[in-house]
Amino acid sequence: MAVCARLCGVGPARGCRRRGAAREQRRGGAAGDSEPDTDTDPEEAGGGGGSAEDEEAAERIEGGRPLSHPGEAGPAGRAPLSILELPPELLVQIFGSLPGTDLPSLARVCTTFRRILRTDTIWRRRCREEYGVCENLRKLEITGVSCRDVYAKLLHRYRHILGLWQPDIGPYGGLLNVVVDGLFIIGWMYLPPHDPHVDDPMRFKPLFRIHLMERKAATVECMYGHKGPHNGHIQVVKKDEFSTKCNQTDHHRMSGGRQEEFRTWLREEWGRTLEDIFHEHMQELILMKFIYTSQYDNCLTYRRIYLPPSSPDDLIKPGLFKGTYGSHGLEIVMLSFHGKKAKGTKITGDPNIPAGQQTVEIDLAHPLQLPDIESLRDFSELSRIVLEVQEQVRREEQEQEHRQEEENPSQPAAKPLGGEGAEGEDNAAGAEGSTQDKAPASQPFVLPMGVISRNEDYPRTCRICYYGTGLIAGHGFTSPERTPGVFVLFDDDRFGFIWLELKSFSLYSRIKVAFQNAEAPSREAFDEMLKNIQSLAT
């Protein structure tokens, strides 16, 4: 801002008083337009109001007509001494290329800058470049709302809630994506496809929307229920956390009462009726989820989640996947890589393993060599191979603990095989690279006899398999324990996990949605996010 002030002749640059006096003589006192402005509110960049002369000037700039200003150009043959002497149309282009958050400081420099910043062309460009608003914003003139209003009162004000969020719905969690959609900000709840069609695209429904009805303030509307948009409220609780509240919950009720609401929810959630579900335990789980989640239809808290950072050494691209979980249906899992480990963290969960818990962990340092296809059909043969690797892992952990105790007797032993330092990453990359060099591009795969799969349409070839552990627990996350299993990589977008203890198979398929504003600012921020959602689940 100091640089802008010196350019304008109002700052403390050497000789600015002398130049200012000379300009006053030439302009006949017209330099009064260069009084500094002290307004710092982004919403007021360009001014909330102004004289008829100011408004007329802004309209002339918007229309591309020259703005008469005694100091806009120097005498013939002389370069401009001040930026104020540049044509207003050029200043509009310059100001429009600056980030919108810098414009309020620019508006404080002088009233001339403030007047130019009322030009809607500047704010139309900022809406398009910063938030991707591609609609014809000129139509806003009909409603009396300017592009500056859209930027300051809608886009800039609610920019902190854009991105991916996990709603706090007990063990069930969820995935919310808040995006700029035209002249709205909409919170879309993403739902897995109907069980067991794991390769189908995600479903989504709006939970709330924010838009600018008039110049005063943006309007928040709840979209839950079947009676259309109604009054709602959004509050940013703290950094990376906000809450929504519905002020008209009667819009969520249906005329047929709870029974009609349940049947409607069941069709939307599961794509079937209760009569179509013959498994009694599954009926109980479905009814339990409906009762539990319906308690949160008026107020919800959301916590930010990031997409996992990727590395060229990763086995596949990390990201979000949808997977089968028996009677619980399809759930959303985040696959991330941490040195010699890969982790699958639940974004949605169930009463046994809640959202936020680490459902599977893959040991990239211990690949598995599957037997031939006929031997693979024998569950006992697969169990033998996995248990041998489990025993090998246990011995390595003990040896590592013993070495660390000898090297640092006063220091507690580090967590075995959980290291995410440079050495662990190098070992993982080496083990993975050597295994992939020796392993064929693909090998036949079939589930052993007796292993239950919700989806029989799984791939019949795989790239590679690794030893891993899966988290199992009783209802209410009681007696949790990690049990051995097999991670099966099919291709870049699909993998599976065989739970030996449960004799079941989960198939995972990548969520192919280009989420915006979801990248972690750093690896440390992502790891901290994982710890936070896991601690909340616990």
Protein backbone atom coordinates (compact mmCIF):
# COMPACT_ATOMS: atom_id res chain seq x y z
CA MET A 1 0.00 0.00 0.00
CA ALA A 2 2.97 2.30 0.75
CA VAL A 3 4.17 1.79 -2.84
CA CYS A 4 0.73 2.70 -4.19
CA ALA A 5 0.70 5.78 -1.97
CA ARG A 6 4.06 6.97 -3.29
CA LEU A 7 2.91 6.37 -6.86
CA CYS A 8 -0.15 8.48 -6.18
CA GLY A 9 1.86 11.26 -4.64
CA VAL A 10 0.24 10.96 -1.19
CA GLY A 11 2.94 8.86 0.50
CA PRO A 12 6.17 9.75 2.29
CA ALA A 13 8.41 9.43 -0.81
CA ARG A 14 11.21 11.99 -1.16
CA GLY A 15 10.05 15.12 -2.92
CA CYS A 16 6.37 14.14 -2.87
CA ARG A 17 5.39 17.49 -1.31
CA ARG A 18 7.23 19.40 -4.02
CA ARG A 19 5.65 17.32 -6.76
CA GLY A 20 2.28 17.64 -5.05
CA ALA A 21 2.57 21.41 -4.93
CA ALA A 22 3.53 21.54 -8.59
CA ARG A 23 0.55 19.39 -9.53
CA GLU A 24 -1.76 21.59 -7.48
CA GLN A 25 -0.60 24.59 -9.42
CA ARG A 26 -1.19 22.80 -12.71
CA ARG A 27 -4.54 21.33 -11.73
CA GLY A 28 -5.86 24.32 -9.89
CA GLY A 29 -6.40 22.43 -6.65
CA ALA A 30 -7.82 19.29 -8.24
CA ALA A 31 -5.47 17.07 -6.22
CA GLY A 32 -8.05 16.92 -3.46
CA ASP A 33 -9.18 13.57 -4.85
CA SER A 34 -6.07 11.98 -3.41
CA GLU A 35 -7.13 12.04 0.24
CA PRO A 36 -6.32 8.71 1.92
CA ASP A 37 -9.19 6.40 2.70
CA THR A 38 -9.23 4.42 5.96
CA ASP A 39 -11.93 1.82 5.20
CA THR A 40 -10.47 -1.70 5.59
CA ASP A 41 -13.55 -3.92 5.24
CA PRO A 42 -13.38 -6.13 2.08
CA GLU A 43 -17.11 -5.68 1.69
CA GLU A 44 -16.60 -1.94 1.43
CA ALA A 45 -13.77 -1.96 -1.09
CA GLY A 46 -14.98 0.55 -3.57
CA GLY A 47 -17.37 2.11 -1.11
CA GLY A 48 -20.83 1.29 0.08
CA GLY A 49 -22.29 4.42 -1.35
CA GLY A 50 -21.27 7.64 -3.02
CA SER A 51 -22.35 10.84 -4.62
CA ALA A 52 -24.20 10.97 -7.90
CA GLU A 53 -20.99 12.21 -9.46
CA ASP A 54 -19.10 9.12 -8.20
CA GLU A 55 -21.77 6.75 -9.48
CA GLU A 56 -21.77 8.46 -12.86
CA ALA A 57 -18.00 8.15 -13.01
CA ALA A 58 -18.14 4.43 -12.27
CA GLU A 59 -20.75 3.94 -14.99
CA ARG A 60 -18.57 5.81 -17.47
CA ILE A 61 -15.59 3.59 -16.63
CA GLU A 62 -17.76 0.45 -16.91
CA GLY A 63 -18.95 1.52 -20.32
CA GLY A 64 -15.44 2.14 -21.57
CA ARG A 65 -15.93 5.91 -21.81
CA PRO A 66 -13.09 8.09 -20.61
CA LEU A 67 -13.34 9.54 -17.13
CA SER A 68 -12.57 13.23 -17.18
CA HIS A 69 -9.94 13.89 -14.55
CA PRO A 70 -7.57 16.83 -14.56
CA GLY A 71 -4.64 14.58 -13.66
CA GLU A 72 -5.31 11.57 -15.81
CA ALA A 73 -2.68 12.51 -18.37
CA GLY A 74 0.35 14.73 -18.40
CA PRO A 75 1.12 17.43 -20.94
CA ALA A 76 1.79 16.31 -24.48
CA GLY A 77 5.12 14.60 -24.91
CA ARG A 78 5.58 13.91 -21.16
CA ALA A 79 5.27 10.52 -19.46
CA PRO A 80 2.77 10.37 -16.57
CA LEU A 81 4.31 11.34 -13.22
CA SER A 82 1.70 9.43 -11.22
CA ILE A 83 -0.40 6.33 -11.64
CA LEU A 84 -3.38 8.65 -11.24
CA GLU A 85 -2.54 10.08 -14.63
CA LEU A 86 -3.15 6.73 -16.34
CA PRO A 87 -6.46 6.28 -18.17
CA PRO A 88 -9.18 4.85 -15.89
CA GLU A 89 -9.78 1.93 -18.28
CA LEU A 90 -6.14 0.89 -17.80
CA LEU A 91 -6.47 1.18 -14.03
CA VAL A 92 -9.52 -1.08 -14.18
CA GLN A 93 -7.44 -3.70 -15.98
CA ILE A 94 -4.62 -3.36 -13.45
CA PHE A 95 -6.88 -3.53 -10.40
CA GLY A 96 -8.86 -6.41 -11.86
CA SER A 97 -5.72 -8.54 -12.03
CA LEU A 98 -5.09 -8.20 -8.29
CA PRO A 99 -6.47 -10.66 -5.71
CA GLY A 100 -9.77 -9.52 -4.32
CA THR A 101 -8.38 -9.58 -0.77
CA ASP A 102 -5.87 -6.85 -1.73
CA LEU A 103 -8.43 -4.43 -3.13
CA PRO A 104 -9.67 -3.06 0.23
CA SER A 105 -6.12 -1.88 1.01
CA LEU A 106 -5.99 -0.29 -2.42
CA ALA A 107 -9.28 1.49 -1.75
CA ARG A 108 -7.71 3.18 1.29
CA VAL A 109 -5.08 4.94 -0.80
CA CYS A 110 -7.28 7.68 -2.18
CA THR A 111 -10.83 8.44 -3.25
CA THR A 112 -9.89 8.09 -6.92
CA PHE A 113 -8.90 4.48 -6.40
CA ARG A 114 -11.99 3.96 -4.31
CA ARG A 115 -14.14 5.36 -7.09
CA ILE A 116 -12.53 3.12 -9.71
CA LEU A 117 -13.00 0.07 -7.47
CA ARG A 118 -16.76 0.59 -7.76
CA THR A 119 -16.42 -0.64 -11.33
CA ASP A 120 -18.21 -3.97 -11.59
CA THR A 121 -15.83 -5.20 -14.30
CA ILE A 122 -13.14 -5.61 -11.64
CA TRP A 123 -15.32 -7.71 -9.35
CA ARG A 124 -16.79 -9.72 -12.20
CA ARG A 125 -13.26 -10.79 -13.10
CA ARG A 126 -12.41 -11.64 -9.47
CA CYS A 127 -15.58 -13.78 -9.16
CA ARG A 128 -14.63 -15.66 -12.31
CA GLU A 129 -10.92 -16.16 -11.64
CA GLU A 130 -11.02 -16.87 -7.89
CA TYR A 131 -14.28 -18.82 -7.60
CA GLY A 132 -15.05 -20.03 -11.11
CA VAL A 133 -18.32 -18.13 -11.46
CA CYS A 134 -18.95 -18.29 -15.21
CA GLU A 135 -22.56 -17.10 -15.32
CA ASN A 136 -23.45 -13.86 -17.04
CA LEU A 137 -23.12 -11.63 -14.00
CA ARG A 138 -24.55 -8.68 -15.93
CA LYS A 139 -27.98 -10.16 -15.25
CA LEU A 140 -27.51 -9.19 -11.62
CA GLU A 141 -28.21 -5.59 -12.53
CA ILE A 142 -31.90 -6.50 -12.82
CA THR A 143 -32.02 -7.42 -9.11
CA GLY A 144 -29.91 -4.47 -8.04
CA VAL A 145 -27.08 -6.74 -6.83
CA SER A 146 -23.59 -5.88 -8.05
CA CYS A 147 -20.69 -8.24 -8.70
CA ARG A 148 -18.94 -6.57 -5.78
CA ASP A 149 -21.86 -7.60 -3.57
CA VAL A 150 -21.58 -11.20 -4.82
CA TYR A 151 -17.85 -11.25 -4.13
CA ALA A 152 -17.88 -9.56 -0.73
CA LYS A 153 -21.16 -10.76 0.80
CA LEU A 154 -21.29 -14.30 -0.63
CA LEU A 155 -18.06 -15.69 -2.06
CA HIS A 156 -15.51 -13.98 0.16
CA ARG A 157 -17.59 -14.18 3.31
CA TYR A 158 -18.22 -17.93 3.05
CA ARG A 159 -14.92 -18.92 1.44
CA HIS A 160 -13.82 -20.71 4.63
CA ILE A 161 -16.49 -23.40 4.29
CA LEU A 162 -15.59 -24.41 0.73
CA GLY A 163 -14.11 -27.92 0.44
CA LEU A 164 -14.63 -31.38 1.95
CA TRP A 165 -16.14 -31.96 5.39
CA GLN A 166 -17.14 -34.85 7.62
CA PRO A 167 -20.44 -34.34 9.48
CA ASP A 168 -20.56 -35.40 13.10
CA ILE A 169 -23.35 -38.02 12.96
CA GLY A 170 -22.11 -40.39 15.62
CA PRO A 171 -20.54 -43.55 14.18
CA TYR A 172 -21.99 -42.98 10.69
CA GLY A 173 -20.08 -39.87 9.62
CA GLY A 174 -20.49 -38.73 6.03
CA LEU A 175 -18.95 -36.75 3.19
CA LEU A 176 -20.01 -33.16 2.50
CA ASN A 177 -18.66 -31.15 -0.43
CA VAL A 178 -19.25 -27.39 -0.32
CA VAL A 179 -18.84 -25.76 -3.73
CA VAL A 180 -19.60 -22.59 -5.63
CA ASP A 181 -22.37 -23.53 -8.05
CA GLY A 182 -23.27 -20.59 -10.26
CA LEU A 183 -24.45 -17.79 -8.00
CA PHE A 184 -25.00 -20.22 -5.12
CA ILE A 185 -22.80 -21.88 -2.53
CA ILE A 186 -24.21 -25.39 -2.07
CA GLY A 187 -23.38 -28.11 0.43
CA TRP A 188 -23.74 -31.49 -1.31
CA MET A 189 -23.89 -34.65 0.79
CA TYR A 190 -22.24 -37.51 -1.13
CA LEU A 191 -23.75 -40.98 -0.71
CA PRO A 192 -22.33 -44.32 -1.89
CA PRO A 193 -24.26 -46.17 -4.61
CA HIS A 194 -26.81 -48.73 -3.56
CA ASP A 195 -25.38 -51.94 -2.12
CA PRO A 196 -23.64 -53.91 -3.57
CA HIS A 197 -22.99 -51.96 -6.80
CA VAL A 198 -19.60 -50.59 -5.79
CA ASP A 199 -18.60 -49.54 -9.32
CA ASP A 200 -21.66 -47.30 -9.78
CA PRO A 201 -21.16 -43.51 -9.46
CA MET A 202 -21.75 -41.69 -6.21
CA ARG A 203 -25.13 -40.19 -5.40
CA PHE A 204 -25.51 -36.74 -3.89
CA LYS A 205 -28.19 -34.48 -2.46
CA PRO A 206 -28.14 -30.85 -1.29
CA LEU A 207 -28.19 -30.13 2.45
CA PHE A 208 -28.04 -26.34 2.33
CA ARG A 209 -27.46 -23.46 -0.04
CA ILE A 210 -26.43 -19.81 0.28
CA HIS A 211 -27.31 -17.10 -2.20
CA LEU A 212 -27.69 -13.34 -2.44
CA MET A 213 -31.32 -12.28 -2.63
CA GLU A 214 -30.69 -8.61 -1.98
CA ARG A 215 -27.80 -6.26 -1.30
CA LYS A 216 -28.05 -6.46 2.50
CA ALA A 217 -26.81 -9.98 3.24
CA ALA A 218 -26.65 -13.52 1.87
CA THR A 219 -29.52 -15.91 2.62
CA VAL A 220 -28.91 -19.40 4.07
CA GLU A 221 -31.52 -22.04 3.26
CA CYS A 222 -31.88 -25.61 4.52
CA MET A 223 -32.59 -28.11 1.73
CA TYR A 224 -33.39 -31.10 3.95
CA GLY A 225 -36.82 -32.64 3.66
CA HIS A 226 -39.38 -32.74 0.88
CA LYS A 227 -41.04 -29.31 1.12
CA GLY A 228 -38.43 -27.22 -0.63
CA PRO A 229 -35.86 -24.70 0.66
CA HIS A 230 -36.53 -23.06 4.02
CA ASN A 231 -34.76 -20.80 6.50
CA GLY A 232 -31.44 -21.96 7.91
CA HIS A 233 -28.32 -20.69 9.62
CA ILE A 234 -24.55 -21.28 9.31
CA GLN A 235 -22.00 -20.54 11.99
CA VAL A 236 -18.24 -20.95 11.76
CA VAL A 237 -17.42 -22.49 15.15
CA LYS A 238 -13.63 -22.35 14.81
CA LYS A 239 -10.91 -22.98 12.26
CA ASP A 240 -11.84 -25.99 10.10
CA GLU A 241 -15.19 -26.45 11.81
CA PHE A 242 -18.66 -25.03 11.17
CA SER A 243 -22.25 -25.87 12.01
CA THR A 244 -25.61 -25.63 10.27
CA LYS A 245 -29.00 -25.20 11.89
CA CYS A 246 -32.48 -25.47 10.44
CA ASN A 247 -34.96 -22.89 11.74
CA GLN A 248 -38.04 -24.62 10.29
CA THR A 249 -37.80 -28.33 11.10
CA ASP A 250 -41.51 -28.79 10.35
CA HIS A 251 -40.42 -28.82 6.68
CA HIS A 252 -38.64 -32.12 7.39
CA ARG A 253 -41.79 -33.91 8.50
CA MET A 254 -44.07 -35.82 6.16
CA SER A 255 -47.86 -36.03 6.31
CA GLY A 256 -47.74 -39.81 6.70
CA GLY A 257 -45.72 -39.59 9.90
CA ARG A 258 -42.56 -41.48 10.82
CA GLN A 259 -43.55 -44.58 8.91
CA GLU A 260 -43.74 -42.68 5.62
CA GLU A 261 -40.51 -40.88 6.44
CA PHE A 262 -38.77 -44.20 7.08
CA ARG A 263 -39.98 -45.78 3.85
CA THR A 264 -38.92 -42.72 1.86
CA TRP A 265 -35.51 -42.70 3.56
CA LEU A 266 -35.10 -46.42 2.90
CA ARG A 267 -35.74 -46.00 -0.83
CA GLU A 268 -33.25 -43.14 -1.02
CA GLU A 269 -30.58 -44.77 1.19
CA TRP A 270 -30.83 -48.40 0.06
CA GLY A 271 -32.89 -48.31 -3.13
CA ARG A 272 -35.36 -50.90 -1.82
CA THR A 273 -38.22 -51.47 0.61
CA LEU A 274 -38.03 -53.18 3.98
CA GLU A 275 -39.91 -56.17 2.53
CA ASP A 276 -37.07 -56.67 0.06
CA ILE A 277 -34.55 -57.14 2.89
CA PHE A 278 -34.92 -60.65 4.24
CA HIS A 279 -31.90 -60.67 6.56
CA GLU A 280 -33.20 -59.87 10.06
CA HIS A 281 -29.86 -58.50 11.32
CA MET A 282 -29.66 -56.19 8.31
CA GLN A 283 -33.18 -54.90 9.02
CA GLU A 284 -32.14 -54.06 12.58
CA LEU A 285 -29.05 -52.19 11.39
CA ILE A 286 -31.08 -50.19 8.87
CA LEU A 287 -33.76 -49.24 11.39
CA MET A 288 -31.07 -48.28 13.92
CA LYS A 289 -29.38 -45.98 11.42
CA PHE A 290 -32.64 -44.26 10.51
CA ILE A 291 -33.51 -43.59 14.16
CA TYR A 292 -30.02 -42.34 14.97
CA THR A 293 -29.47 -40.09 11.94
CA SER A 294 -32.94 -38.53 12.09
CA GLN A 295 -31.93 -36.93 15.40
CA TYR A 296 -29.48 -34.72 13.49
CA ASP A 297 -31.90 -33.28 10.94
CA ASN A 298 -32.00 -29.84 12.57
CA CYS A 299 -28.38 -29.19 13.61
CA LEU A 300 -25.08 -30.59 12.34
CA THR A 301 -21.41 -29.88 12.97
CA TYR A 302 -18.83 -30.44 10.22
CA ARG A 303 -15.06 -30.88 10.46
CA ARG A 304 -12.74 -30.32 7.52
CA ILE A 305 -11.05 -33.25 5.83
CA TYR A 306 -8.32 -33.20 3.20
CA LEU A 307 -7.57 -35.48 0.31
CA PRO A 308 -4.35 -37.44 0.95
CA PRO A 309 -1.17 -36.06 -0.64
CA SER A 310 0.36 -38.20 -3.37
CA SER A 311 3.91 -39.21 -4.23
CA PRO A 312 5.42 -40.77 -7.39
CA ASP A 313 6.45 -43.76 -5.24
CA ASP A 314 2.87 -44.55 -4.15
CA LEU A 315 1.53 -47.95 -5.13
CA ILE A 316 -1.51 -46.28 -6.70
CA LYS A 317 -2.92 -42.78 -6.49
CA PRO A 318 -4.35 -42.21 -3.00
CA GLY A 319 -7.87 -40.88 -2.59
CA LEU A 320 -11.44 -41.78 -1.67
CA PHE A 321 -12.93 -45.21 -2.34
CA LYS A 322 -16.32 -46.83 -1.77
CA GLY A 323 -16.25 -50.35 -0.36
CA THR A 324 -18.55 -53.19 0.68
CA TYR A 325 -19.00 -53.89 4.40
CA GLY A 326 -21.41 -56.78 4.65
CA SER A 327 -24.76 -55.98 6.22
CA HIS A 328 -23.68 -52.39 6.79
CA GLY A 329 -23.77 -51.73 3.05
CA LEU A 330 -21.30 -49.53 1.16
CA GLU A 331 -19.03 -47.15 3.04
CA ILE A 332 -16.50 -44.46 2.06
CA VAL A 333 -12.82 -45.08 2.85
CA MET A 334 -9.79 -42.82 2.37
CA LEU A 335 -6.63 -44.60 1.18
CA SER A 336 -3.37 -42.85 2.10
CA PHE A 337 0.31 -43.84 2.05
CA HIS A 338 2.72 -43.41 4.98
CA GLY A 339 6.18 -44.72 4.24
CA LYS A 340 6.08 -48.52 4.40
CA LYS A 341 2.40 -48.48 5.37
CA ALA A 342 -0.84 -47.76 3.57
CA LYS A 343 -3.92 -46.90 5.61
CA GLY A 344 -7.63 -47.06 4.90
CA THR A 345 -9.54 -44.59 7.11
CA LYS A 346 -13.32 -44.64 7.30
CA ILE A 347 -15.07 -41.44 6.24
CA THR A 348 -18.43 -43.10 6.78
CA GLY A 349 -18.84 -45.83 9.37
CA ASP A 350 -21.18 -48.12 11.27
CA PRO A 351 -21.94 -49.12 14.89
CA ASN A 352 -19.11 -51.67 14.88
CA ILE A 353 -16.28 -49.60 13.35
CA PRO A 354 -17.23 -45.90 13.43
CA ALA A 355 -16.22 -43.21 10.97
CA GLY A 356 -12.70 -41.93 11.56
CA GLN A 357 -11.23 -45.31 12.51
CA GLN A 358 -8.50 -47.01 10.50
CA THR A 359 -10.33 -49.95 8.95
CA VAL A 360 -7.36 -51.56 7.16
CA GLU A 361 -3.57 -51.22 7.27
CA ILE A 362 -1.36 -52.58 4.50
CA ASP A 363 2.25 -53.59 5.10
CA LEU A 364 4.00 -52.64 1.87
CA ALA A 365 7.22 -54.25 3.08
CA HIS A 366 5.62 -57.72 3.08
CA PRO A 367 4.18 -58.73 -0.31
CA LEU A 368 2.42 -62.08 -0.59
CA GLN A 369 3.06 -64.64 -3.27
CA LEU A 370 -0.30 -66.28 -3.97
CA PRO A 371 -0.41 -69.98 -4.84
CA ASP A 372 -1.71 -71.26 -8.15
CA ILE A 373 -5.38 -70.76 -8.86
CA GLU A 374 -6.44 -74.22 -7.74
CA SER A 375 -4.58 -74.00 -4.42
CA LEU A 376 -5.95 -70.49 -3.91
CA ARG A 377 -9.47 -71.91 -3.78
CA ASP A 378 -8.46 -73.68 -0.58
CA PHE A 379 -9.00 -71.26 2.32
CA SER A 380 -6.67 -73.19 4.61
CA GLU A 381 -3.80 -72.76 2.12
CA LEU A 382 -4.31 -68.98 1.99
CA SER A 383 -4.55 -68.86 5.80
CA ARG A 384 -1.27 -70.77 6.11
CA ILE A 385 0.55 -68.28 3.87
CA VAL A 386 -0.85 -65.25 5.71
CA LEU A 387 -0.15 -66.63 9.19
CA GLU A 388 3.44 -67.39 8.22
CA VAL A 389 3.92 -63.76 7.20
CA GLN A 390 2.20 -62.63 10.39
CA GLU A 391 4.72 -64.63 12.43
CA GLN A 392 7.56 -63.14 10.37
CA VAL A 393 6.26 -59.63 11.05
CA ARG A 394 6.02 -60.38 14.78
CA ARG A 395 9.65 -61.58 14.87
CA GLU A 396 10.84 -58.50 13.00
CA GLU A 397 9.03 -56.27 15.47
CA GLN A 398 10.69 -58.00 18.40
CA GLU A 399 14.14 -57.77 16.78
CA GLN A 400 13.63 -54.08 16.05
CA GLU A 401 12.57 -53.41 19.64
CA HIS A 402 15.60 -55.33 20.92
CA ARG A 403 18.01 -53.36 18.71
CA GLN A 404 16.53 -50.04 19.79
CA GLU A 405 16.80 -50.98 23.45
CA GLU A 406 20.48 -51.84 22.99
CA GLU A 407 21.24 -48.62 21.10
CA ASN A 408 19.19 -46.34 23.35
CA PRO A 409 18.56 -48.10 26.66
CA SER A 410 17.13 -44.94 28.26
CA GLN A 411 14.75 -44.23 25.40
CA PRO A 412 11.39 -46.03 24.98
CA ALA A 413 11.20 -48.33 21.98
CA ALA A 414 9.65 -46.80 18.90
CA LYS A 415 6.50 -48.26 17.48
CA PRO A 416 7.59 -51.22 15.30
CA LEU A 417 6.89 -51.14 11.61
CA GLY A 418 4.95 -47.94 12.04
CA GLY A 419 7.81 -45.62 11.23
CA GLU A 420 7.12 -43.00 8.63
CA GLY A 421 10.61 -41.55 8.45
CA ALA A 422 12.99 -41.50 5.53
CA GLU A 423 14.46 -44.90 6.34
CA GLY A 424 11.03 -46.53 6.42
CA GLU A 425 10.10 -44.92 3.12
CA ASP A 426 13.31 -46.10 1.50
CA ASN A 427 12.79 -49.67 2.73
CA ALA A 428 9.19 -49.63 1.52
CA ALA A 429 10.12 -48.26 -1.87
CA GLY A 430 12.89 -50.83 -2.21
CA ALA A 431 10.71 -53.76 -1.17
CA GLU A 432 7.86 -52.61 -3.34
CA GLY A 433 10.07 -51.95 -6.35
CA SER A 434 11.84 -55.30 -6.17
CA THR A 435 8.54 -57.12 -5.76
CA GLN A 436 6.95 -55.39 -8.70
CA ASP A 437 9.98 -56.14 -10.84
CA LYS A 438 9.69 -59.86 -10.11
CA ALA A 439 5.89 -60.12 -10.10
CA PRO A 440 4.01 -60.50 -13.39
CA ALA A 441 1.89 -57.66 -14.69
CA SER A 442 -1.18 -59.59 -13.61
CA GLN A 443 -1.97 -62.95 -12.14
CA PRO A 444 -5.16 -65.01 -11.87
CA PHE A 445 -7.24 -64.41 -8.75
CA VAL A 446 -10.21 -66.14 -7.21
CA LEU A 447 -11.72 -66.01 -3.74
CA PRO A 448 -11.16 -69.12 -1.62
CA MET A 449 -14.13 -71.35 -0.98
CA GLY A 450 -16.12 -70.22 2.05
CA VAL A 451 -15.18 -66.52 1.78
CA ILE A 452 -18.33 -64.37 1.60
CA SER A 453 -18.50 -61.47 -0.85
CA ARG A 454 -21.36 -58.99 -1.26
CA ASN A 455 -20.28 -58.48 -4.85
CA GLU A 456 -19.56 -61.58 -6.91
CA ASP A 457 -18.53 -59.45 -9.87
CA TYR A 458 -14.98 -58.87 -8.61
CA PRO A 459 -11.96 -58.86 -10.98
CA ARG A 460 -10.45 -62.26 -11.78
CA THR A 461 -6.90 -60.96 -12.16
CA CYS A 462 -4.77 -58.91 -9.77
CA ARG A 463 -1.43 -57.12 -9.89
CA ILE A 464 0.00 -57.84 -6.46
CA CYS A 465 -0.99 -58.77 -2.90
CA TYR A 466 0.30 -57.60 0.48
CA TYR A 467 -0.04 -58.68 4.05
CA GLY A 468 -2.33 -56.42 6.03
CA THR A 469 -4.51 -56.15 9.10
CA GLY A 470 -8.17 -55.27 9.39
CA LEU A 471 -9.96 -53.72 12.37
CA ILE A 472 -12.93 -55.66 13.75
CA ALA A 473 -15.04 -54.95 16.85
CA GLY A 474 -18.32 -55.71 18.54
CA HIS A 475 -21.37 -53.46 18.47
CA GLY A 476 -20.55 -50.04 19.89
CA PHE A 477 -16.86 -50.46 18.99
CA THR A 478 -16.35 -52.89 21.86
CA SER A 479 -13.27 -55.15 22.08
CA PRO A 480 -11.58 -53.80 18.93
CA GLU A 481 -8.68 -55.83 17.55
CA ARG A 482 -6.57 -55.96 14.42
CA THR A 483 -6.71 -59.29 12.60
CA PRO A 484 -4.62 -60.57 9.66
CA GLY A 485 -5.82 -60.25 6.11
CA VAL A 486 -4.81 -59.92 2.47
CA PHE A 487 -4.72 -56.68 0.49
CA VAL A 488 -5.35 -57.39 -3.20
CA LEU A 489 -4.53 -54.72 -5.78
CA PHE A 490 -6.59 -55.24 -8.95
CA ASP A 491 -5.85 -52.06 -10.91
CA ASP A 492 -5.37 -48.32 -10.44
CA ASP A 493 -8.98 -47.84 -9.32
CA ARG A 494 -9.91 -51.04 -7.48
CA PHE A 495 -8.55 -53.10 -4.61
CA GLY A 496 -9.88 -55.67 -2.18
CA PHE A 497 -9.30 -56.98 1.31
CA ILE A 498 -9.83 -60.54 2.58
CA TRP A 499 -10.72 -60.65 6.28
CA LEU A 500 -9.45 -64.04 7.44
CA GLU A 501 -11.13 -63.86 10.85
CA LEU A 502 -14.53 -63.07 9.31
CA LYS A 503 -14.05 -65.12 6.14
CA SER A 504 -15.35 -62.17 4.15
CA PHE A 505 -14.17 -60.04 1.26
CA SER A 506 -14.51 -56.27 0.76
CA LEU A 507 -14.23 -54.76 -2.72
CA TYR A 508 -13.27 -51.07 -3.06
CA SER A 509 -13.70 -48.82 -6.10
CA ARG A 510 -12.33 -45.31 -6.55
CA ILE A 511 -14.64 -42.29 -6.23
CA LYS A 512 -14.05 -40.47 -9.50
CA VAL A 513 -15.08 -36.95 -8.53
CA ALA A 514 -12.83 -33.91 -9.00
CA PHE A 515 -13.18 -32.31 -5.57
CA GLN A 516 -12.11 -28.66 -5.33
CA ASN A 517 -10.53 -26.87 -2.33
CA ALA A 518 -9.68 -30.25 -0.79
CA GLU A 519 -5.88 -30.39 -1.01
CA ALA A 520 -3.99 -30.47 2.29
CA PRO A 521 -1.71 -27.43 2.79
CA SER A 522 1.06 -29.80 3.93
CA ARG A 523 1.79 -33.42 4.80
CA GLU A 524 1.79 -32.47 8.47
CA ALA A 525 -1.67 -30.91 8.16
CA PHE A 526 -3.04 -34.09 6.60
CA ASP A 527 -1.54 -36.32 9.31
CA GLU A 528 -2.97 -34.03 11.99
CA MET A 529 -6.39 -34.23 10.34
CA LEU A 530 -6.25 -38.05 10.44
CA LYS A 531 -5.36 -38.00 14.12
CA ASN A 532 -8.18 -35.60 14.90
CA ILE A 533 -10.95 -37.57 13.21
CA GLN A 534 -9.69 -40.80 14.76
CA SER A 535 -9.60 -39.30 18.25
CA LEU A 536 -13.14 -37.98 17.82
CA ALA A 537 -14.32 -41.42 16.72
CA THR A 538 -12.67 -43.05 19.72
